[in-house]
Amino acid sequence: MMNLILWILRIGVFLALAVFASKNAQSVILHYYLDKSIELPLSVVVLSSFALGVVMTLLLAWRPRSKK
């Protein structure tokens, strides 16, 4: 039963992200140093920033546990 609930939750998150991506398809230009730039859809920029934040939070919050 718990496995079914987890799959329903995963499908819901996937559908929410798909709707978000379809509604934010406008292109944005990211400018880097030395006159380098890249053009990406807004949804890619936002979701990449979110994913990077999650990864950084998990890496900084992870601590090896000592055995006592």
PDB file of N, CA and C in Angstrom:
ATOM      1  N   MET A   1       0.826  -1.203   0.000  1.00  0.00           N
ATOM      2  CA  MET A   1       0.000   0.000   0.000  1.00  0.00           C
ATOM      3  C   MET A   1       0.865   1.259   0.000  1.00  0.00           C
ATOM      4  N   MET A   2       1.924   1.227   0.818  1.00  0.00           N
ATOM      5  CA  MET A   2       2.812   2.388   0.893  1.00  0.00           C
ATOM      6  C   MET A   2       3.524   2.620  -0.443  1.00  0.00           C
ATOM      7  N   ASN A   3       3.845   1.510  -1.121  1.00  0.00           N
ATOM      8  CA  ASN A   3       4.501   1.615  -2.418  1.00  0.00           C
ATOM      9  C   ASN A   3       3.584   2.296  -3.443  1.00  0.00           C
ATOM     10  N   LEU A   4       2.301   1.993  -3.392  1.00  0.00           N
ATOM     11  CA  LEU A   4       1.328   2.614  -4.289  1.00  0.00           C
ATOM     12  C   LEU A   4       1.230   4.118  -4.024  1.00  0.00           C
ATOM     13  N   ILE A   5       1.197   4.496  -2.768  1.00  0.00           N
ATOM     14  CA  ILE A   5       1.136   5.921  -2.409  1.00  0.00           C
ATOM     15  C   ILE A   5       2.375   6.651  -2.893  1.00  0.00           C
ATOM     16  N   LEU A   6       3.538   6.014  -2.766  1.00  0.00           N
ATOM     17  CA  LEU A   6       4.783   6.625  -3.231  1.00  0.00           C
ATOM     18  C   LEU A   6       4.762   6.838  -4.741  1.00  0.00           C
ATOM     19  N   TRP A   7       4.258   5.863  -5.493  1.00  0.00           N
ATOM     20  CA  TRP A   7       4.186   6.010  -6.946  1.00  0.00           C
ATOM     21  C   TRP A   7       3.189   7.083  -7.358  1.00  0.00           C
ATOM     22  N   ILE A   8       2.076   7.178  -6.661  1.00  0.00           N
ATOM     23  CA  ILE A   8       1.097   8.238  -6.951  1.00  0.00           C
ATOM     24  C   ILE A   8       1.721   9.609  -6.687  1.00  0.00           C
ATOM     25  N   LEU A   9       2.489   9.724  -5.620  1.00  0.00           N
ATOM     26  CA  LEU A   9       3.172  10.979  -5.308  1.00  0.00           C
ATOM     27  C   LEU A   9       4.205  11.322  -6.375  1.00  0.00           C
ATOM     28  N   ARG A  10       4.955  10.334  -6.825  1.00  0.00           N
ATOM     29  CA  ARG A  10       5.958  10.564  -7.883  1.00  0.00           C
ATOM     30  C   ARG A  10       5.298  11.035  -9.177  1.00  0.00           C
ATOM     31  N   ILE A  11       4.201  10.395  -9.549  1.00  0.00           N
ATOM     32  CA  ILE A  11       3.489  10.790 -10.768  1.00  0.00           C
ATOM     33  C   ILE A  11       2.947  12.212 -10.629  1.00  0.00           C
ATOM     34  N   GLY A  12       2.436  12.555  -9.463  1.00  0.00           N
ATOM     35  CA  GLY A  12       1.942  13.915  -9.224  1.00  0.00           C
ATOM     36  C   GLY A  12       3.036  14.955  -9.349  1.00  0.00           C
ATOM     37  N   VAL A  13       4.208  14.671  -8.784  1.00  0.00           N
ATOM     38  CA  VAL A  13       5.336  15.609  -8.887  1.00  0.00           C
ATOM     39  C   VAL A  13       5.777  15.733 -10.342  1.00  0.00           C
ATOM     40  N   PHE A  14       5.841  14.615 -11.059  1.00  0.00           N
ATOM     41  CA  PHE A  14       6.230  14.651 -12.465  1.00  0.00           C
ATOM     42  C   PHE A  14       5.258  15.489 -13.287  1.00  0.00           C
ATOM     43  N   LEU A  15       3.957  15.306 -13.059  1.00  0.00           N
ATOM     44  CA  LEU A  15       2.961  16.084 -13.802  1.00  0.00           C
ATOM     45  C   LEU A  15       3.050  17.574 -13.463  1.00  0.00           C
ATOM     46  N   ALA A  16       3.291  17.890 -12.188  1.00  0.00           N
ATOM     47  CA  ALA A  16       3.440  19.297 -11.793  1.00  0.00           C
ATOM     48  C   ALA A  16       4.655  19.919 -12.481  1.00  0.00           C
ATOM     49  N   LEU A  17       5.762  19.192 -12.551  1.00  0.00           N
ATOM     50  CA  LEU A  17       6.952  19.712 -13.223  1.00  0.00           C
ATOM     51  C   LEU A  17       6.737  19.844 -14.728  1.00  0.00           C
ATOM     52  N   ALA A  18       6.002  18.912 -15.321  1.00  0.00           N
ATOM     53  CA  ALA A  18       5.720  18.994 -16.752  1.00  0.00           C
ATOM     54  C   ALA A  18       4.852  20.205 -17.070  1.00  0.00           C
ATOM     55  N   VAL A  19       3.842  20.470 -16.240  1.00  0.00           N
ATOM     56  CA  VAL A  19       2.989  21.651 -16.439  1.00  0.00           C
ATOM     57  C   VAL A  19       3.805  22.918 -16.243  1.00  0.00           C
ATOM     58  N   PHE A  20       4.676  22.932 -15.212  1.00  0.00           N
ATOM     59  CA  PHE A  20       5.535  24.099 -14.972  1.00  0.00           C
ATOM     60  C   PHE A  20       6.428  24.374 -16.173  1.00  0.00           C
ATOM     61  N   ALA A  21       7.014  23.321 -16.731  1.00  0.00           N
ATOM     62  CA  ALA A  21       7.905  23.488 -17.879  1.00  0.00           C
ATOM     63  C   ALA A  21       7.147  23.981 -19.106  1.00  0.00           C
ATOM     64  N   SER A  22       5.937  23.500 -19.314  1.00  0.00           N
ATOM     65  CA  SER A  22       5.186  23.934 -20.488  1.00  0.00           C
ATOM     66  C   SER A  22       4.703  25.379 -20.361  1.00  0.00           C
ATOM     67  N   LYS A  23       4.450  25.835 -19.149  1.00  0.00           N
ATOM     68  CA  LYS A  23       3.991  27.216 -18.937  1.00  0.00           C
ATOM     69  C   LYS A  23       5.142  28.221 -18.937  1.00  0.00           C
ATOM     70  N   ASN A  24       6.382  27.754 -18.756  1.00  0.00           N
ATOM     71  CA  ASN A  24       7.540  28.649 -18.690  1.00  0.00           C
ATOM     72  C   ASN A  24       8.542  28.304 -19.785  1.00  0.00           C
ATOM     73  N   ALA A  25       8.096  28.353 -21.006  1.00  0.00           N
ATOM     74  CA  ALA A  25       8.939  27.977 -22.136  1.00  0.00           C
ATOM     75  C   ALA A  25       9.680  29.169 -22.748  1.00  0.00           C
ATOM     76  N   GLN A  26       9.504  30.371 -22.189  1.00  0.00           N
ATOM     77  CA  GLN A  26      10.191  31.535 -22.737  1.00  0.00           C
ATOM     78  C   GLN A  26      11.707  31.365 -22.580  1.00  0.00           C
ATOM     79  N   SER A  27      12.442  31.903 -23.529  1.00  0.00           N
ATOM     80  CA  SER A  27      13.898  31.806 -23.473  1.00  0.00           C
ATOM     81  C   SER A  27      14.483  32.953 -22.656  1.00  0.00           C
ATOM     82  N   VAL A  28      15.520  32.623 -21.901  1.00  0.00           N
ATOM     83  CA  VAL A  28      16.277  33.636 -21.176  1.00  0.00           C
ATOM     84  C   VAL A  28      17.747  33.474 -21.559  1.00  0.00           C
ATOM     85  N   ILE A  29      18.478  34.556 -21.481  1.00  0.00           N
ATOM     86  CA  ILE A  29      19.895  34.529 -21.826  1.00  0.00           C
ATOM     87  C   ILE A  29      20.700  34.700 -20.551  1.00  0.00           C
ATOM     88  N   LEU A  30      21.591  33.740 -20.292  1.00  0.00           N
ATOM     89  CA  LEU A  30      22.492  33.822 -19.152  1.00  0.00           C
ATOM     90  C   LEU A  30      23.836  34.324 -19.660  1.00  0.00           C
ATOM     91  N   HIS A  31      24.309  35.428 -19.087  1.00  0.00           N
ATOM     92  CA  HIS A  31      25.577  36.020 -19.497  1.00  0.00           C
ATOM     93  C   HIS A  31      26.675  35.605 -18.525  1.00  0.00           C
ATOM     94  N   TYR A  32      27.784  35.129 -19.067  1.00  0.00           N
ATOM     95  CA  TYR A  32      28.931  34.730 -18.279  1.00  0.00           C
ATOM     96  C   TYR A  32      30.047  35.736 -18.470  1.00  0.00           C
ATOM     97  N   TYR A  33      31.176  35.443 -17.882  1.00  0.00           N
ATOM     98  CA  TYR A  33      32.351  36.301 -18.047  1.00  0.00           C
ATOM     99  C   TYR A  33      32.918  36.158 -19.452  1.00  0.00           C
ATOM    100  N   LEU A  34      33.703  37.129 -19.862  1.00  0.00           N
ATOM    101  CA  LEU A  34      34.371  37.146 -21.158  1.00  0.00           C
ATOM    102  C   LEU A  34      33.389  37.050 -22.321  1.00  0.00           C
ATOM    103  N   ASP A  35      32.276  37.741 -22.203  1.00  0.00           N
ATOM    104  CA  ASP A  35      31.261  37.827 -23.253  1.00  0.00           C
ATOM    105  C   ASP A  35      30.706  36.477 -23.694  1.00  0.00           C
ATOM    106  N   LYS A  36      30.662  35.531 -22.795  1.00  0.00           N
ATOM    107  CA  LYS A  36      30.045  34.236 -23.079  1.00  0.00           C
ATOM    108  C   LYS A  36      28.597  34.285 -22.605  1.00  0.00           C
ATOM    109  N   SER A  37      27.696  33.697 -23.375  1.00  0.00           N
ATOM    110  CA  SER A  37      26.290  33.649 -22.980  1.00  0.00           C
ATOM    111  C   SER A  37      25.661  32.379 -23.522  1.00  0.00           C
ATOM    112  N   ILE A  38      24.536  32.010 -22.904  1.00  0.00           N
ATOM    113  CA  ILE A  38      23.806  30.824 -23.316  1.00  0.00           C
ATOM    114  C   ILE A  38      22.315  31.128 -23.208  1.00  0.00           C
ATOM    115  N   GLU A  39      21.545  30.616 -24.153  1.00  0.00           N
ATOM    116  CA  GLU A  39      20.100  30.836 -24.157  1.00  0.00           C
ATOM    117  C   GLU A  39      19.395  29.529 -23.794  1.00  0.00           C
ATOM    118  N   LEU A  40      18.592  29.579 -22.742  1.00  0.00           N
ATOM    119  CA  LEU A  40      17.878  28.405 -22.243  1.00  0.00           C
ATOM    120  C   LEU A  40      16.433  28.760 -21.939  1.00  0.00           C
ATOM    121  N   PRO A  41      15.557  27.766 -21.915  1.00  0.00           N
ATOM    122  CA  PRO A  41      14.187  28.031 -21.462  1.00  0.00           C
ATOM    123  C   PRO A  41      14.174  28.393 -19.972  1.00  0.00           C
ATOM    124  N   LEU A  42      13.248  29.246 -19.581  1.00  0.00           N
ATOM    125  CA  LEU A  42      13.150  29.687 -18.199  1.00  0.00           C
ATOM    126  C   LEU A  42      12.956  28.516 -17.244  1.00  0.00           C
ATOM    127  N   SER A  43      12.162  27.525 -17.638  1.00  0.00           N
ATOM    128  CA  SER A  43      11.918  26.381 -16.755  1.00  0.00           C
ATOM    129  C   SER A  43      13.201  25.607 -16.469  1.00  0.00           C
ATOM    130  N   VAL A  44      14.089  25.498 -17.446  1.00  0.00           N
ATOM    131  CA  VAL A  44      15.358  24.796 -17.234  1.00  0.00           C
ATOM    132  C   VAL A  44      16.214  25.548 -16.221  1.00  0.00           C
ATOM    133  N   VAL A  45      16.249  26.863 -16.329  1.00  0.00           N
ATOM    134  CA  VAL A  45      17.039  27.679 -15.408  1.00  0.00           C
ATOM    135  C   VAL A  45      16.503  27.559 -13.984  1.00  0.00           C
ATOM    136  N   VAL A  46      15.185  27.662 -13.818  1.00  0.00           N
ATOM    137  CA  VAL A  46      14.584  27.607 -12.481  1.00  0.00           C
ATOM    138  C   VAL A  46      14.742  26.217 -11.865  1.00  0.00           C
ATOM    139  N   LEU A  47      14.437  25.167 -12.630  1.00  0.00           N
ATOM    140  CA  LEU A  47      14.544  23.818 -12.088  1.00  0.00           C
ATOM    141  C   LEU A  47      15.996  23.421 -11.816  1.00  0.00           C
ATOM    142  N   SER A  48      16.932  23.888 -12.635  1.00  0.00           N
ATOM    143  CA  SER A  48      18.348  23.618 -12.381  1.00  0.00           C
ATOM    144  C   SER A  48      18.826  24.314 -11.113  1.00  0.00           C
ATOM    145  N   SER A  49      18.395  25.539 -10.917  1.00  0.00           N
ATOM    146  CA  SER A  49      18.755  26.263  -9.696  1.00  0.00           C
ATOM    147  C   SER A  49      18.192  25.570  -8.462  1.00  0.00           C
ATOM    148  N   PHE A  50      16.955  25.105  -8.553  1.00  0.00           N
ATOM    149  CA  PHE A  50      16.348  24.383  -7.444  1.00  0.00           C
ATOM    150  C   PHE A  50      17.108  23.089  -7.149  1.00  0.00           C
ATOM    151  N   ALA A  51      17.424  22.334  -8.192  1.00  0.00           N
ATOM    152  CA  ALA A  51      18.140  21.070  -8.020  1.00  0.00           C
ATOM    153  C   ALA A  51      19.527  21.293  -7.422  1.00  0.00           C
ATOM    154  N   LEU A  52      20.207  22.340  -7.873  1.00  0.00           N
ATOM    155  CA  LEU A  52      21.521  22.660  -7.323  1.00  0.00           C
ATOM    156  C   LEU A  52      21.424  23.019  -5.839  1.00  0.00           C
ATOM    157  N   GLY A  53      20.391  23.750  -5.470  1.00  0.00           N
ATOM    158  CA  GLY A  53      20.174  24.085  -4.070  1.00  0.00           C
ATOM    159  C   GLY A  53      19.902  22.861  -3.218  1.00  0.00           C
ATOM    160  N   VAL A  54      19.122  21.917  -3.737  1.00  0.00           N
ATOM    161  CA  VAL A  54      18.839  20.677  -3.004  1.00  0.00           C
ATOM    162  C   VAL A  54      20.121  19.871  -2.807  1.00  0.00           C
ATOM    163  N   VAL A  55      20.910  19.745  -3.854  1.00  0.00           N
ATOM    164  CA  VAL A  55      22.162  18.985  -3.768  1.00  0.00           C
ATOM    165  C   VAL A  55      23.118  19.634  -2.773  1.00  0.00           C
ATOM    166  N   MET A  56      23.250  20.946  -2.832  1.00  0.00           N
ATOM    167  CA  MET A  56      24.145  21.641  -1.903  1.00  0.00           C
ATOM    168  C   MET A  56      23.667  21.483  -0.458  1.00  0.00           C
ATOM    169  N   THR A  57      22.364  21.559  -0.239  1.00  0.00           N
ATOM    170  CA  THR A  57      21.820  21.390   1.107  1.00  0.00           C
ATOM    171  C   THR A  57      22.077  19.985   1.630  1.00  0.00           C
ATOM    172  N   LEU A  58      21.871  18.984   0.791  1.00  0.00           N
ATOM    173  CA  LEU A  58      22.113  17.610   1.214  1.00  0.00           C
ATOM    174  C   LEU A  58      23.588  17.361   1.513  1.00  0.00           C
ATOM    175  N   LEU A  59      24.466  17.926   0.700  1.00  0.00           N
ATOM    176  CA  LEU A  59      25.900  17.745   0.936  1.00  0.00           C
ATOM    177  C   LEU A  59      26.354  18.439   2.216  1.00  0.00           C
ATOM    178  N   LEU A  60      25.831  19.620   2.481  1.00  0.00           N
ATOM    179  CA  LEU A  60      26.235  20.346   3.685  1.00  0.00           C
ATOM    180  C   LEU A  60      25.583  19.788   4.948  1.00  0.00           C
ATOM    181  N   ALA A  61      24.419  19.170   4.810  1.00  0.00           N
ATOM    182  CA  ALA A  61      23.723  18.638   5.980  1.00  0.00           C
ATOM    183  C   ALA A  61      24.177  17.223   6.325  1.00  0.00           C
ATOM    184  N   TRP A  62      24.811  16.540   5.370  1.00  0.00           N
ATOM    185  CA  TRP A  62      25.221  15.166   5.598  1.00  0.00           C
ATOM    186  C   TRP A  62      26.438  15.145   6.506  1.00  0.00           C
ATOM    187  N   ARG A  63      26.337  14.374   7.554  1.00  0.00           N
ATOM    188  CA  ARG A  63      27.459  14.199   8.473  1.00  0.00           C
ATOM    189  C   ARG A  63      27.609  12.716   8.768  1.00  0.00           C
ATOM    190  N   PRO A  64      28.831  12.217   8.702  1.00  0.00           N
ATOM    191  CA  PRO A  64      28.996  10.818   9.082  1.00  0.00           C
ATOM    192  C   PRO A  64      28.711  10.644  10.578  1.00  0.00           C
ATOM    193  N   ARG A  65      28.022   9.579  10.910  1.00  0.00           N
ATOM    194  CA  ARG A  65      27.673   9.328  12.300  1.00  0.00           C
ATOM    195  C   ARG A  65      28.736   8.453  12.937  1.00  0.00           C
ATOM    196  N   SER A  66      29.151   8.831  14.122  1.00  0.00           N
ATOM    197  CA  SER A  66      30.140   8.029  14.832  1.00  0.00           C
ATOM    198  C   SER A  66      29.426   6.940  15.623  1.00  0.00           C
ATOM    199  N   LYS A  67      30.075   5.790  15.692  1.00  0.00           N
ATOM    200  CA  LYS A  67      29.499   4.657  16.423  1.00  0.00           C
ATOM    201  C   LYS A  67      29.940   4.745  17.884  1.00  0.00           C
ATOM    202  N   LYS A  68      28.965   4.693  18.767  1.00  0.00           N
ATOM    203  CA  LYS A  68      29.276   4.729  20.198  1.00  0.00           C
ATOM    204  C   LYS A  68      28.576   3.597  20.887  1.00  0.00           C
TER     205      LYS A  68
END
